[in-house]
Amino acid sequence: MALDRYYPELIRNLPEFSDRFEAYKLEARNCDVLFATYPAGTSIEPHRHDTENVGVITKGELKLTMDGETQIISMGEWYHVAADKEHAAEFAEDTAEIEFWFTA
C-alpha cells in the first residue's frame, strides 16, 4: 500500500520516516507523530524501543502481541506499548494508522 494513495497532500509533504515500514513524520516536542501504512502480510518481529507509543488504527487492523498475549486492534481503536516493552505486530490486510512515539 503506497503512502501516496492514502494520505492527503499536506501529510504527504511531511518528511518520510524509514524503518521496517513507510511513514510520514510530523515532529513535535517530545513526540514523533507517524502516519504509517502496512501492506497486507506485513509482519514485524518482536522488538522494543525506548519510546512510549500509542496509536490509532485508521484502516484495517493490527494484530499486536505482548507478554505472550495477542490482541486485535481494529479501525478506530487505540493501543499502547510501554517503553522498552517487547512486542510484535502483524497486518493481515492493508492497514494505516497514526502513531505517537513519546520520549522522556
PDB file of N, CA and C in Angstrom:
ATOM      1  N   MET A   1       0.859  -1.175   0.000  1.00  0.00           N
ATOM      2  CA  MET A   1       0.000   0.000   0.000  1.00  0.00           C
ATOM      3  C   MET A   1       0.898   1.228   0.000  1.00  0.00           C
ATOM      4  N   ALA A   2       0.859   1.974  -1.038  1.00  0.00           N
ATOM      5  CA  ALA A   2       1.726   3.144  -1.151  1.00  0.00           C
ATOM      6  C   ALA A   2       1.202   4.293  -0.304  1.00  0.00           C
ATOM      7  N   LEU A   3       2.125   4.970   0.374  1.00  0.00           N
ATOM      8  CA  LEU A   3       1.744   6.106   1.211  1.00  0.00           C
ATOM      9  C   LEU A   3       0.996   7.169   0.422  1.00  0.00           C
ATOM     10  N   ASP A   4       1.421   7.402  -0.823  1.00  0.00           N
ATOM     11  CA  ASP A   4       0.838   8.494  -1.590  1.00  0.00           C
ATOM     12  C   ASP A   4      -0.617   8.251  -1.973  1.00  0.00           C
ATOM     13  N   ARG A   5      -1.119   7.054  -1.791  1.00  0.00           N
ATOM     14  CA  ARG A   5      -2.519   6.772  -2.137  1.00  0.00           C
ATOM     15  C   ARG A   5      -3.471   6.964  -0.969  1.00  0.00           C
ATOM     16  N   TYR A   6      -2.959   7.079   0.234  1.00  0.00           N
ATOM     17  CA  TYR A   6      -3.842   7.076   1.393  1.00  0.00           C
ATOM     18  C   TYR A   6      -3.977   8.447   2.061  1.00  0.00           C
ATOM     19  N   TYR A   7      -2.879   9.182   2.224  1.00  0.00           N
ATOM     20  CA  TYR A   7      -2.909  10.423   2.982  1.00  0.00           C
ATOM     21  C   TYR A   7      -3.049  11.641   2.075  1.00  0.00           C
ATOM     22  N   PRO A   8      -3.664  12.725   2.592  1.00  0.00           N
ATOM     23  CA  PRO A   8      -3.801  13.949   1.796  1.00  0.00           C
ATOM     24  C   PRO A   8      -2.432  14.595   1.544  1.00  0.00           C
ATOM     25  N   GLU A   9      -2.390  15.514   0.597  1.00  0.00           N
ATOM     26  CA  GLU A   9      -1.140  16.121   0.154  1.00  0.00           C
ATOM     27  C   GLU A   9      -0.360  16.778   1.294  1.00  0.00           C
ATOM     28  N   LEU A  10      -1.025  17.465   2.212  1.00  0.00           N
ATOM     29  CA  LEU A  10      -0.309  18.117   3.312  1.00  0.00           C
ATOM     30  C   LEU A  10       0.457  17.098   4.151  1.00  0.00           C
ATOM     31  N   ILE A  11      -0.111  15.932   4.355  1.00  0.00           N
ATOM     32  CA  ILE A  11       0.572  14.873   5.093  1.00  0.00           C
ATOM     33  C   ILE A  11       1.704  14.311   4.237  1.00  0.00           C
ATOM     34  N   ARG A  12       1.447  14.112   2.943  1.00  0.00           N
ATOM     35  CA  ARG A  12       2.475  13.559   2.043  1.00  0.00           C
ATOM     36  C   ARG A  12       3.670  14.486   1.905  1.00  0.00           C
ATOM     37  N   ASN A  13       3.510  15.759   2.204  1.00  0.00           N
ATOM     38  CA  ASN A  13       4.615  16.712   2.127  1.00  0.00           C
ATOM     39  C   ASN A  13       5.501  16.701   3.372  1.00  0.00           C
ATOM     40  N   LEU A  14       5.112  15.950   4.403  1.00  0.00           N
ATOM     41  CA  LEU A  14       5.944  15.816   5.602  1.00  0.00           C
ATOM     42  C   LEU A  14       7.166  14.957   5.273  1.00  0.00           C
ATOM     43  N   PRO A  15       8.238  15.038   6.088  1.00  0.00           N
ATOM     44  CA  PRO A  15       9.408  14.194   5.851  1.00  0.00           C
ATOM     45  C   PRO A  15       9.050  12.708   5.963  1.00  0.00           C
ATOM     46  N   GLU A  16       9.695  11.896   5.145  1.00  0.00           N
ATOM     47  CA  GLU A  16       9.466  10.452   5.207  1.00  0.00           C
ATOM     48  C   GLU A  16      10.264   9.846   6.344  1.00  0.00           C
ATOM     49  N   PHE A  17       9.664   8.888   7.020  1.00  0.00           N
ATOM     50  CA  PHE A  17      10.295   8.108   8.076  1.00  0.00           C
ATOM     51  C   PHE A  17      10.589   6.746   7.475  1.00  0.00           C
ATOM     52  N   SER A  18      11.802   6.258   7.627  1.00  0.00           N
ATOM     53  CA  SER A  18      12.169   4.982   7.020  1.00  0.00           C
ATOM     54  C   SER A  18      12.662   4.015   8.094  1.00  0.00           C
ATOM     55  N   ASP A  19      12.002   2.885   8.170  1.00  0.00           N
ATOM     56  CA  ASP A  19      12.354   1.833   9.124  1.00  0.00           C
ATOM     57  C   ASP A  19      11.813   0.548   8.548  1.00  0.00           C
ATOM     58  N   ARG A  20      11.158  -0.270   9.371  1.00  0.00           N
ATOM     59  CA  ARG A  20      10.564  -1.521   8.887  1.00  0.00           C
ATOM     60  C   ARG A  20       9.247  -1.282   8.165  1.00  0.00           C
ATOM     61  N   PHE A  21       8.853  -0.025   8.040  1.00  0.00           N
ATOM     62  CA  PHE A  21       7.596   0.342   7.395  1.00  0.00           C
ATOM     63  C   PHE A  21       7.739   1.750   6.831  1.00  0.00           C
ATOM     64  N   GLU A  22       6.794   2.163   6.015  1.00  0.00           N
ATOM     65  CA  GLU A  22       6.791   3.505   5.449  1.00  0.00           C
ATOM     66  C   GLU A  22       5.891   4.407   6.288  1.00  0.00           C
ATOM     67  N   ALA A  23       6.317   5.655   6.458  1.00  0.00           N
ATOM     68  CA  ALA A  23       5.512   6.599   7.232  1.00  0.00           C
ATOM     69  C   ALA A  23       5.930   8.018   6.887  1.00  0.00           C
ATOM     70  N   TYR A  24       5.046   8.964   7.208  1.00  0.00           N
ATOM     71  CA  TYR A  24       5.381  10.378   7.194  1.00  0.00           C
ATOM     72  C   TYR A  24       5.533  10.803   8.645  1.00  0.00           C
ATOM     73  N   LYS A  25       6.461  11.701   8.913  1.00  0.00           N
ATOM     74  CA  LYS A  25       6.779  12.067  10.284  1.00  0.00           C
ATOM     75  C   LYS A  25       6.460  13.540  10.539  1.00  0.00           C
ATOM     76  N   LEU A  26       5.623  13.787  11.537  1.00  0.00           N
ATOM     77  CA  LEU A  26       5.323  15.131  11.997  1.00  0.00           C
ATOM     78  C   LEU A  26       6.024  15.293  13.337  1.00  0.00           C
ATOM     79  N   GLU A  27       7.024  16.146  13.401  1.00  0.00           N
ATOM     80  CA  GLU A  27       7.794  16.294  14.631  1.00  0.00           C
ATOM     81  C   GLU A  27       7.093  17.221  15.606  1.00  0.00           C
ATOM     82  N   ALA A  28       7.132  16.832  16.860  1.00  0.00           N
ATOM     83  CA  ALA A  28       6.589  17.639  17.947  1.00  0.00           C
ATOM     84  C   ALA A  28       7.528  17.472  19.135  1.00  0.00           C
ATOM     85  N   ARG A  29       7.546  18.439  20.034  1.00  0.00           N
ATOM     86  CA  ARG A  29       8.424  18.347  21.195  1.00  0.00           C
ATOM     87  C   ARG A  29       8.091  17.099  22.006  1.00  0.00           C
ATOM     88  N   ASN A  30       9.070  16.251  22.217  1.00  0.00           N
ATOM     89  CA  ASN A  30       8.959  15.011  22.994  1.00  0.00           C
ATOM     90  C   ASN A  30       7.997  13.999  22.397  1.00  0.00           C
ATOM     91  N   CYS A  31       7.653  14.161  21.123  1.00  0.00           N
ATOM     92  CA  CYS A  31       6.758  13.194  20.489  1.00  0.00           C
ATOM     93  C   CYS A  31       6.936  13.237  18.976  1.00  0.00           C
ATOM     94  N   ASP A  32       7.191  12.068  18.385  1.00  0.00           N
ATOM     95  CA  ASP A  32       7.161  11.949  16.927  1.00  0.00           C
ATOM     96  C   ASP A  32       5.794  11.401  16.549  1.00  0.00           C
ATOM     97  N   VAL A  33       5.203  11.965  15.520  1.00  0.00           N
ATOM     98  CA  VAL A  33       3.906  11.512  15.034  1.00  0.00           C
ATOM     99  C   VAL A  33       4.130  10.896  13.662  1.00  0.00           C
ATOM    100  N   LEU A  34       3.729   9.645  13.500  1.00  0.00           N
ATOM    101  CA  LEU A  34       3.931   8.920  12.247  1.00  0.00           C
ATOM    102  C   LEU A  34       2.587   8.570  11.628  1.00  0.00           C
ATOM    103  N   PHE A  35       2.451   8.833  10.337  1.00  0.00           N
ATOM    104  CA  PHE A  35       1.280   8.432   9.566  1.00  0.00           C
ATOM    105  C   PHE A  35       1.757   7.229   8.757  1.00  0.00           C
ATOM    106  N   ALA A  36       1.454   6.035   9.226  1.00  0.00           N
ATOM    107  CA  ALA A  36       2.079   4.820   8.700  1.00  0.00           C
ATOM    108  C   ALA A  36       1.090   3.936   7.943  1.00  0.00           C
ATOM    109  N   THR A  37       1.612   3.222   6.966  1.00  0.00           N
ATOM    110  CA  THR A  37       0.828   2.221   6.235  1.00  0.00           C
ATOM    111  C   THR A  37       1.599   0.913   6.216  1.00  0.00           C
ATOM    112  N   TYR A  38       0.859  -0.178   6.253  1.00  0.00           N
ATOM    113  CA  TYR A  38       1.433  -1.517   6.246  1.00  0.00           C
ATOM    114  C   TYR A  38       0.681  -2.348   5.218  1.00  0.00           C
ATOM    115  N   PRO A  39       1.354  -2.863   4.198  1.00  0.00           N
ATOM    116  CA  PRO A  39       0.676  -3.717   3.219  1.00  0.00           C
ATOM    117  C   PRO A  39       0.228  -5.030   3.871  1.00  0.00           C
ATOM    118  N   ALA A  40      -0.818  -5.610   3.336  1.00  0.00           N
ATOM    119  CA  ALA A  40      -1.293  -6.913   3.814  1.00  0.00           C
ATOM    120  C   ALA A  40      -0.133  -7.890   3.828  1.00  0.00           C
ATOM    121  N   GLY A  41      -0.044  -8.667   4.907  1.00  0.00           N
ATOM    122  CA  GLY A  41       1.011  -9.663   5.034  1.00  0.00           C
ATOM    123  C   GLY A  41       2.251  -9.169   5.755  1.00  0.00           C
ATOM    124  N   THR A  42       2.284  -7.878   6.119  1.00  0.00           N
ATOM    125  CA  THR A  42       3.447  -7.346   6.839  1.00  0.00           C
ATOM    126  C   THR A  42       3.516  -7.967   8.226  1.00  0.00           C
ATOM    127  N   SER A  43       4.710  -8.398   8.603  1.00  0.00           N
ATOM    128  CA  SER A  43       4.955  -8.961   9.929  1.00  0.00           C
ATOM    129  C   SER A  43       6.202  -8.298  10.499  1.00  0.00           C
ATOM    130  N   ILE A  44       6.098  -7.767  11.698  1.00  0.00           N
ATOM    131  CA  ILE A  44       7.230  -7.120  12.361  1.00  0.00           C
ATOM    132  C   ILE A  44       7.610  -7.979  13.559  1.00  0.00           C
ATOM    133  N   GLU A  45       8.841  -8.486  13.522  1.00  0.00           N
ATOM    134  CA  GLU A  45       9.336  -9.404  14.545  1.00  0.00           C
ATOM    135  C   GLU A  45       9.346  -8.745  15.928  1.00  0.00           C
ATOM    136  N   PRO A  46       9.426  -9.556  16.983  1.00  0.00           N
ATOM    137  CA  PRO A  46       9.490  -8.991  18.331  1.00  0.00           C
ATOM    138  C   PRO A  46      10.656  -8.005  18.439  1.00  0.00           C
ATOM    139  N   HIS A  47      10.369  -6.857  19.031  1.00  0.00           N
ATOM    140  CA  HIS A  47      11.364  -5.803  19.186  1.00  0.00           C
ATOM    141  C   HIS A  47      10.929  -4.892  20.324  1.00  0.00           C
ATOM    142  N   ARG A  48      11.774  -3.966  20.662  1.00  0.00           N
ATOM    143  CA  ARG A  48      11.441  -2.963  21.683  1.00  0.00           C
ATOM    144  C   ARG A  48      12.104  -1.655  21.303  1.00  0.00           C
ATOM    145  N   HIS A  49      11.595  -0.567  21.833  1.00  0.00           N
ATOM    146  CA  HIS A  49      12.208   0.737  21.615  1.00  0.00           C
ATOM    147  C   HIS A  49      12.048   1.573  22.873  1.00  0.00           C
ATOM    148  N   ASP A  50      12.795   2.655  22.943  1.00  0.00           N
ATOM    149  CA  ASP A  50      12.818   3.448  24.171  1.00  0.00           C
ATOM    150  C   ASP A  50      11.732   4.515  24.236  1.00  0.00           C
ATOM    151  N   THR A  51      10.788   4.474  23.315  1.00  0.00           N
ATOM    152  CA  THR A  51       9.681   5.432  23.324  1.00  0.00           C
ATOM    153  C   THR A  51       8.421   4.790  23.877  1.00  0.00           C
ATOM    154  N   GLU A  52       7.575   5.606  24.464  1.00  0.00           N
ATOM    155  CA  GLU A  52       6.241   5.204  24.914  1.00  0.00           C
ATOM    156  C   GLU A  52       5.320   5.434  23.719  1.00  0.00           C
ATOM    157  N   ASN A  53       4.658   4.404  23.225  1.00  0.00           N
ATOM    158  CA  ASN A  53       3.891   4.533  21.988  1.00  0.00           C
ATOM    159  C   ASN A  53       2.396   4.320  22.215  1.00  0.00           C
ATOM    160  N   VAL A  54       1.615   5.170  21.563  1.00  0.00           N
ATOM    161  CA  VAL A  54       0.184   4.945  21.421  1.00  0.00           C
ATOM    162  C   VAL A  54      -0.140   5.148  19.947  1.00  0.00           C
ATOM    163  N   GLY A  55      -1.190   4.495  19.494  1.00  0.00           N
ATOM    164  CA  GLY A  55      -1.578   4.644  18.103  1.00  0.00           C
ATOM    165  C   GLY A  55      -3.054   4.369  17.929  1.00  0.00           C
ATOM    166  N   VAL A  56      -3.578   4.830  16.812  1.00  0.00           N
ATOM    167  CA  VAL A  56      -4.967   4.585  16.453  1.00  0.00           C
ATOM    168  C   VAL A  56      -4.985   4.023  15.033  1.00  0.00           C
ATOM    169  N   ILE A  57      -5.728   2.954  14.842  1.00  0.00           N
ATOM    170  CA  ILE A  57      -5.850   2.332  13.531  1.00  0.00           C
ATOM    171  C   ILE A  57      -6.900   3.112  12.745  1.00  0.00           C
ATOM    172  N   THR A  58      -6.544   3.553  11.544  1.00  0.00           N
ATOM    173  CA  THR A  58      -7.470   4.330  10.719  1.00  0.00           C
ATOM    174  C   THR A  58      -8.000   3.531   9.533  1.00  0.00           C
ATOM    175  N   LYS A  59      -7.412   2.366   9.279  1.00  0.00           N
ATOM    176  CA  LYS A  59      -7.865   1.469   8.209  1.00  0.00           C
ATOM    177  C   LYS A  59      -7.298   0.093   8.512  1.00  0.00           C
ATOM    178  N   GLY A  60      -8.092  -0.959   8.319  1.00  0.00           N
ATOM    179  CA  GLY A  60      -7.609  -2.318   8.542  1.00  0.00           C
ATOM    180  C   GLY A  60      -7.558  -2.676  10.006  1.00  0.00           C
ATOM    181  N   GLU A  61      -6.564  -3.524  10.374  1.00  0.00           N
ATOM    182  CA  GLU A  61      -6.415  -3.915  11.768  1.00  0.00           C
ATOM    183  C   GLU A  61      -4.992  -4.367  12.064  1.00  0.00           C
ATOM    184  N   LEU A  62      -4.638  -4.262  13.330  1.00  0.00           N
ATOM    185  CA  LEU A  62      -3.324  -4.634  13.843  1.00  0.00           C
ATOM    186  C   LEU A  62      -3.480  -5.832  14.762  1.00  0.00           C
ATOM    187  N   LYS A  63      -2.631  -6.831  14.567  1.00  0.00           N
ATOM    188  CA  LYS A  63      -2.544  -7.960  15.490  1.00  0.00           C
ATOM    189  C   LYS A  63      -1.292  -7.701  16.324  1.00  0.00           C
ATOM    190  N   LEU A  64      -1.478  -7.293  17.586  1.00  0.00           N
ATOM    191  CA  LEU A  64      -0.396  -6.866  18.471  1.00  0.00           C
ATOM    192  C   LEU A  64      -0.155  -7.928  19.534  1.00  0.00           C
ATOM    193  N   THR A  65       1.098  -8.380  19.647  1.00  0.00           N
ATOM    194  CA  THR A  65       1.449  -9.404  20.630  1.00  0.00           C
ATOM    195  C   THR A  65       2.437  -8.831  21.639  1.00  0.00           C
ATOM    196  N   MET A  66       2.056  -8.932  22.932  1.00  0.00           N
ATOM    197  CA  MET A  66       2.912  -8.522  24.058  1.00  0.00           C
ATOM    198  C   MET A  66       2.678  -9.495  25.201  1.00  0.00           C
ATOM    199  N   ASP A  67       3.732  -9.831  25.910  1.00  0.00           N
ATOM    200  CA  ASP A  67       3.625 -10.709  27.088  1.00  0.00           C
ATOM    201  C   ASP A  67       2.913 -12.017  26.771  1.00  0.00           C
ATOM    202  N   GLY A  68       3.120 -12.551  25.575  1.00  0.00           N
ATOM    203  CA  GLY A  68       2.513 -13.821  25.197  1.00  0.00           C
ATOM    204  C   GLY A  68       1.036 -13.742  24.862  1.00  0.00           C
ATOM    205  N   GLU A  69       0.462 -12.551  24.882  1.00  0.00           N
ATOM    206  CA  GLU A  69      -0.947 -12.373  24.556  1.00  0.00           C
ATOM    207  C   GLU A  69      -1.083 -11.569  23.276  1.00  0.00           C
ATOM    208  N   THR A  70      -2.019 -11.989  22.418  1.00  0.00           N
ATOM    209  CA  THR A  70      -2.259 -11.295  21.167  1.00  0.00           C
ATOM    210  C   THR A  70      -3.637 -10.660  21.205  1.00  0.00           C
ATOM    211  N   GLN A  71      -3.702  -9.410  20.789  1.00  0.00           N
ATOM    212  CA  GLN A  71      -4.994  -8.742  20.692  1.00  0.00           C
ATOM    213  C   GLN A  71      -5.121  -8.122  19.302  1.00  0.00           C
ATOM    214  N   ILE A  72      -6.352  -8.043  18.840  1.00  0.00           N
ATOM    215  CA  ILE A  72      -6.656  -7.431  17.553  1.00  0.00           C
ATOM    216  C   ILE A  72      -7.112  -6.001  17.820  1.00  0.00           C
ATOM    217  N   ILE A  73      -6.428  -5.052  17.196  1.00  0.00           N
ATOM    218  CA  ILE A  73      -6.784  -3.636  17.310  1.00  0.00           C
ATOM    219  C   ILE A  73      -7.427  -3.255  15.970  1.00  0.00           C
ATOM    220  N   SER A  74      -8.706  -2.942  15.994  1.00  0.00           N
ATOM    221  CA  SER A  74      -9.467  -2.659  14.779  1.00  0.00           C
ATOM    222  C   SER A  74      -9.539  -1.167  14.487  1.00  0.00           C
ATOM    223  N   MET A  75     -10.046  -0.840  13.315  1.00  0.00           N
ATOM    224  CA  MET A  75     -10.179   0.547  12.898  1.00  0.00           C
ATOM    225  C   MET A  75     -10.914   1.359  13.965  1.00  0.00           C
ATOM    226  N   GLY A  76     -10.322   2.512  14.314  1.00  0.00           N
ATOM    227  CA  GLY A  76     -10.918   3.392  15.314  1.00  0.00           C
ATOM    228  C   GLY A  76     -10.482   3.088  16.733  1.00  0.00           C
ATOM    229  N   GLU A  77      -9.759   1.999  16.932  1.00  0.00           N
ATOM    230  CA  GLU A  77      -9.313   1.632  18.279  1.00  0.00           C
ATOM    231  C   GLU A  77      -7.864   2.072  18.510  1.00  0.00           C
ATOM    232  N   TRP A  78      -7.572   2.386  19.771  1.00  0.00           N
ATOM    233  CA  TRP A  78      -6.241   2.802  20.198  1.00  0.00           C
ATOM    234  C   TRP A  78      -5.511   1.651  20.856  1.00  0.00           C
ATOM    235  N   TYR A  79      -4.190   1.696  20.800  1.00  0.00           N
ATOM    236  CA  TYR A  79      -3.367   0.729  21.528  1.00  0.00           C
ATOM    237  C   TYR A  79      -2.248   1.495  22.237  1.00  0.00           C
ATOM    238  N   HIS A  80      -1.603   0.823  23.188  1.00  0.00           N
ATOM    239  CA  HIS A  80      -0.495   1.404  23.950  1.00  0.00           C
ATOM    240  C   HIS A  80       0.612   0.366  24.082  1.00  0.00           C
ATOM    241  N   VAL A  81       1.852   0.783  23.830  1.00  0.00           N
ATOM    242  CA  VAL A  81       3.029  -0.055  24.058  1.00  0.00           C
ATOM    243  C   VAL A  81       3.977   0.758  24.935  1.00  0.00           C
ATOM    244  N   ALA A  82       4.240   0.266  26.130  1.00  0.00           N
ATOM    245  CA  ALA A  82       5.121   0.960  27.064  1.00  0.00           C
ATOM    246  C   ALA A  82       6.560   0.958  26.546  1.00  0.00           C
ATOM    247  N   ALA A  83       7.334   1.937  26.962  1.00  0.00           N
ATOM    248  CA  ALA A  83       8.751   1.998  26.596  1.00  0.00           C
ATOM    249  C   ALA A  83       9.453   0.721  27.060  1.00  0.00           C
ATOM    250  N   ASP A  84      10.355   0.223  26.223  1.00  0.00           N
ATOM    251  CA  ASP A  84      11.160  -0.969  26.486  1.00  0.00           C
ATOM    252  C   ASP A  84      10.347  -2.256  26.605  1.00  0.00           C
ATOM    253  N   LYS A  85       9.076  -2.242  26.210  1.00  0.00           N
ATOM    254  CA  LYS A  85       8.223  -3.441  26.239  1.00  0.00           C
ATOM    255  C   LYS A  85       8.390  -4.196  24.920  1.00  0.00           C
ATOM    256  N   GLU A  86       8.778  -5.460  25.000  1.00  0.00           N
ATOM    257  CA  GLU A  86       8.894  -6.249  23.773  1.00  0.00           C
ATOM    258  C   GLU A  86       7.501  -6.495  23.200  1.00  0.00           C
ATOM    259  N   HIS A  87       7.396  -6.345  21.878  1.00  0.00           N
ATOM    260  CA  HIS A  87       6.119  -6.546  21.204  1.00  0.00           C
ATOM    261  C   HIS A  87       6.376  -6.903  19.744  1.00  0.00           C
ATOM    262  N   ALA A  88       5.371  -7.490  19.116  1.00  0.00           N
ATOM    263  CA  ALA A  88       5.427  -7.844  17.698  1.00  0.00           C
ATOM    264  C   ALA A  88       4.102  -7.430  17.068  1.00  0.00           C
ATOM    265  N   ALA A  89       4.116  -7.256  15.741  1.00  0.00           N
ATOM    266  CA  ALA A  89       2.917  -6.807  15.038  1.00  0.00           C
ATOM    267  C   ALA A  89       2.742  -7.584  13.743  1.00  0.00           C
ATOM    268  N   GLU A  90       1.484  -7.813  13.381  1.00  0.00           N
ATOM    269  CA  GLU A  90       1.142  -8.430  12.102  1.00  0.00           C
ATOM    270  C   GLU A  90      -0.052  -7.694  11.513  1.00  0.00           C
ATOM    271  N   PHE A  91      -0.059  -7.648  10.178  1.00  0.00           N
ATOM    272  CA  PHE A  91      -1.125  -6.951   9.460  1.00  0.00           C
ATOM    273  C   PHE A  91      -1.626  -7.883   8.362  1.00  0.00           C
ATOM    274  N   ALA A  92      -2.789  -8.491   8.557  1.00  0.00           N
ATOM    275  CA  ALA A  92      -3.338  -9.431   7.582  1.00  0.00           C
ATOM    276  C   ALA A  92      -3.915  -8.725   6.364  1.00  0.00           C
ATOM    277  N   GLU A  93      -4.293  -7.470   6.537  1.00  0.00           N
ATOM    278  CA  GLU A  93      -4.860  -6.683   5.439  1.00  0.00           C
ATOM    279  C   GLU A  93      -4.154  -5.335   5.380  1.00  0.00           C
ATOM    280  N   ASP A  94      -4.311  -4.616   4.256  1.00  0.00           N
ATOM    281  CA  ASP A  94      -3.739  -3.277   4.159  1.00  0.00           C
ATOM    282  C   ASP A  94      -4.227  -2.459   5.352  1.00  0.00           C
ATOM    283  N   THR A  95      -3.286  -1.848   6.056  1.00  0.00           N
ATOM    284  CA  THR A  95      -3.622  -1.148   7.293  1.00  0.00           C
ATOM    285  C   THR A  95      -2.917   0.205   7.327  1.00  0.00           C
ATOM    286  N   ALA A  96      -3.580   1.186   7.922  1.00  0.00           N
ATOM    287  CA  ALA A  96      -2.987   2.504   8.135  1.00  0.00           C
ATOM    288  C   ALA A  96      -3.254   2.901   9.584  1.00  0.00           C
ATOM    289  N   GLU A  97      -2.339   3.694  10.119  1.00  0.00           N
ATOM    290  CA  GLU A  97      -2.503   4.156  11.496  1.00  0.00           C
ATOM    291  C   GLU A  97      -1.751   5.457  11.713  1.00  0.00           C
ATOM    292  N   ILE A  98      -2.107   6.117  12.795  1.00  0.00           N
ATOM    293  CA  ILE A  98      -1.375   7.276  13.268  1.00  0.00           C
ATOM    294  C   ILE A  98      -0.719   6.847  14.573  1.00  0.00           C
ATOM    295  N   GLU A  99       0.616   6.950  14.625  1.00  0.00           N
ATOM    296  CA  GLU A  99       1.379   6.514  15.787  1.00  0.00           C
ATOM    297  C   GLU A  99       2.012   7.720  16.470  1.00  0.00           C
ATOM    298  N   PHE A 100       2.007   7.718  17.786  1.00  0.00           N
ATOM    299  CA  PHE A 100       2.624   8.771  18.592  1.00  0.00           C
ATOM    300  C   PHE A 100       3.732   8.115  19.403  1.00  0.00           C
ATOM    301  N   TRP A 101       4.983   8.514  19.160  1.00  0.00           N
ATOM    302  CA  TRP A 101       6.150   7.967  19.838  1.00  0.00           C
ATOM    303  C   TRP A 101       6.671   9.012  20.818  1.00  0.00           C
ATOM    304  N   PHE A 102       6.340   8.851  22.114  1.00  0.00           N
ATOM    305  CA  PHE A 102       6.696   9.823  23.137  1.00  0.00           C
ATOM    306  C   PHE A 102       8.059   9.514  23.747  1.00  0.00           C
ATOM    307  N   THR A 103       8.891  10.553  23.871  1.00  0.00           N
ATOM    308  CA  THR A 103      10.177  10.420  24.537  1.00  0.00           C
ATOM    309  C   THR A 103      10.110  11.115  25.884  1.00  0.00           C
ATOM    310  N   ALA A 104      11.054  10.793  26.735  1.00  0.00           N
ATOM    311  CA  ALA A 104      11.044  11.382  28.100  1.00  0.00           C
ATOM    312  C   ALA A 104      11.350  12.860  28.076  1.00  0.00           C
TER     313      ALA A 104
END
